[in-house]
Each structure stands twice: as C-alpha cells, then as structure tokens.
Amino acid sequence: MPFDKFVRIHRSYLISLSKIEKISRNSVWILGKEIPVGSSYEEKLLEIRGVLGL
C-alpha cells in the first residue's frame, strides 16, 4: 500500500487522498459522507488541503 497516498485524519480513520471531495477544519467528505477530523490532525489536514487545492 503506498502510504504517501493516504492520510490519517482521526485515530479511527485513514483515508485515501484521491477520494477526498471536500475538506473543512473538522470534517472531510468522501463519497458523499462526512468523516470527522480529530483535533490533533487538523493542522496537517489543512496543509494537505492547500497542496490538493480543495
């Protein structure tokens, strides 16, 4: 599994970067479903948001 294509957004969720539809500070949408972002993962996710242009 190529780990550079996945990101942990919560201790219960590891997601594929290619499936992200929308990102906010505390949620990610994948396939129309909202997934919570853990508070310790928010900053990293916002960095990824900038790189992906979402």
C-alpha atoms as a PDB file:
ATOM      1  CA  MET A   1       0.000   0.000   0.000  1.00  0.00           C
ATOM      2  CA  PRO A   2       1.569   3.347  -0.999  1.00  0.00           C
ATOM      3  CA  PHE A   3       1.482   5.335   2.248  1.00  0.00           C
ATOM      4  CA  ASP A   4       2.008   8.716   0.565  1.00  0.00           C
ATOM      5  CA  LYS A   5      -1.481   8.415  -0.920  1.00  0.00           C
ATOM      6  CA  PHE A   6      -3.203   8.030   2.458  1.00  0.00           C
ATOM      7  CA  VAL A   7      -3.566  10.315   5.451  1.00  0.00           C
ATOM      8  CA  ARG A   8      -4.803   9.743   8.989  1.00  0.00           C
ATOM      9  CA  ILE A   9      -7.481  12.266   9.951  1.00  0.00           C
ATOM     10  CA  HIS A  10      -8.690  10.626  13.153  1.00  0.00           C
ATOM     11  CA  ARG A  11      -7.426   7.770  15.250  1.00  0.00           C
ATOM     12  CA  SER A  12     -10.223   5.667  13.692  1.00  0.00           C
ATOM     13  CA  TYR A  13      -9.840   6.843  10.074  1.00  0.00           C
ATOM     14  CA  LEU A  14      -7.093   6.505   7.474  1.00  0.00           C
ATOM     15  CA  ILE A  15      -8.303   7.893   4.141  1.00  0.00           C
ATOM     16  CA  SER A  16      -7.202   7.916   0.516  1.00  0.00           C
ATOM     17  CA  LEU A  17      -6.203  11.367  -0.734  1.00  0.00           C
ATOM     18  CA  SER A  18      -7.698  10.616  -4.142  1.00  0.00           C
ATOM     19  CA  LYS A  19     -11.190  10.116  -2.669  1.00  0.00           C
ATOM     20  CA  ILE A  20     -11.443  13.451  -0.815  1.00  0.00           C
ATOM     21  CA  GLU A  21     -14.260  15.619  -2.170  1.00  0.00           C
ATOM     22  CA  LYS A  22     -14.221  18.474   0.359  1.00  0.00           C
ATOM     23  CA  ILE A  23     -12.215  19.479   3.432  1.00  0.00           C
ATOM     24  CA  SER A  24     -13.129  21.732   6.334  1.00  0.00           C
ATOM     25  CA  ARG A  25     -11.349  22.244   9.647  1.00  0.00           C
ATOM     26  CA  ASN A  26     -13.259  19.464  11.411  1.00  0.00           C
ATOM     27  CA  SER A  27     -14.647  17.278   8.598  1.00  0.00           C
ATOM     28  CA  VAL A  28     -13.715  15.566   5.346  1.00  0.00           C
ATOM     29  CA  TRP A  29     -16.231  14.415   2.749  1.00  0.00           C
ATOM     30  CA  ILE A  30     -15.587  11.169   0.897  1.00  0.00           C
ATOM     31  CA  LEU A  31     -18.155   9.630  -1.451  1.00  0.00           C
ATOM     32  CA  GLY A  32     -20.793  11.984  -0.055  1.00  0.00           C
ATOM     33  CA  LYS A  33     -20.191  11.001   3.579  1.00  0.00           C
ATOM     34  CA  GLU A  34     -18.890  13.327   6.264  1.00  0.00           C
ATOM     35  CA  ILE A  35     -15.984  11.971   8.311  1.00  0.00           C
ATOM     36  CA  PRO A  36     -14.803  13.756  11.473  1.00  0.00           C
ATOM     37  CA  VAL A  37     -11.265  15.099  11.785  1.00  0.00           C
ATOM     38  CA  GLY A  38      -9.557  14.609  15.142  1.00  0.00           C
ATOM     39  CA  SER A  39      -8.284  17.783  16.767  1.00  0.00           C
ATOM     40  CA  SER A  40      -4.682  16.565  16.679  1.00  0.00           C
ATOM     41  CA  TYR A  41      -4.916  16.074  12.888  1.00  0.00           C
ATOM     42  CA  GLU A  42      -6.473  19.433  11.916  1.00  0.00           C
ATOM     43  CA  GLU A  43      -3.244  21.320  11.117  1.00  0.00           C
ATOM     44  CA  LYS A  44      -1.823  18.522   8.963  1.00  0.00           C
ATOM     45  CA  LEU A  45      -5.102  18.258   7.073  1.00  0.00           C
ATOM     46  CA  LEU A  46      -5.148  21.993   6.363  1.00  0.00           C
ATOM     47  CA  GLU A  47      -1.636  21.690   4.908  1.00  0.00           C
ATOM     48  CA  ILE A  48      -2.843  18.878   2.650  1.00  0.00           C
ATOM     49  CA  ARG A  49      -5.859  20.973   1.677  1.00  0.00           C
ATOM     50  CA  GLY A  50      -3.521  23.664   0.347  1.00  0.00           C
ATOM     51  CA  VAL A  51      -1.492  21.141  -1.648  1.00  0.00           C
ATOM     52  CA  LEU A  52      -4.584  19.479  -3.137  1.00  0.00           C
ATOM     53  CA  GLY A  53      -6.279  22.814  -3.845  1.00  0.00           C
ATOM     54  CA  LEU A  54      -9.554  21.859  -2.132  1.00  0.00           C
END
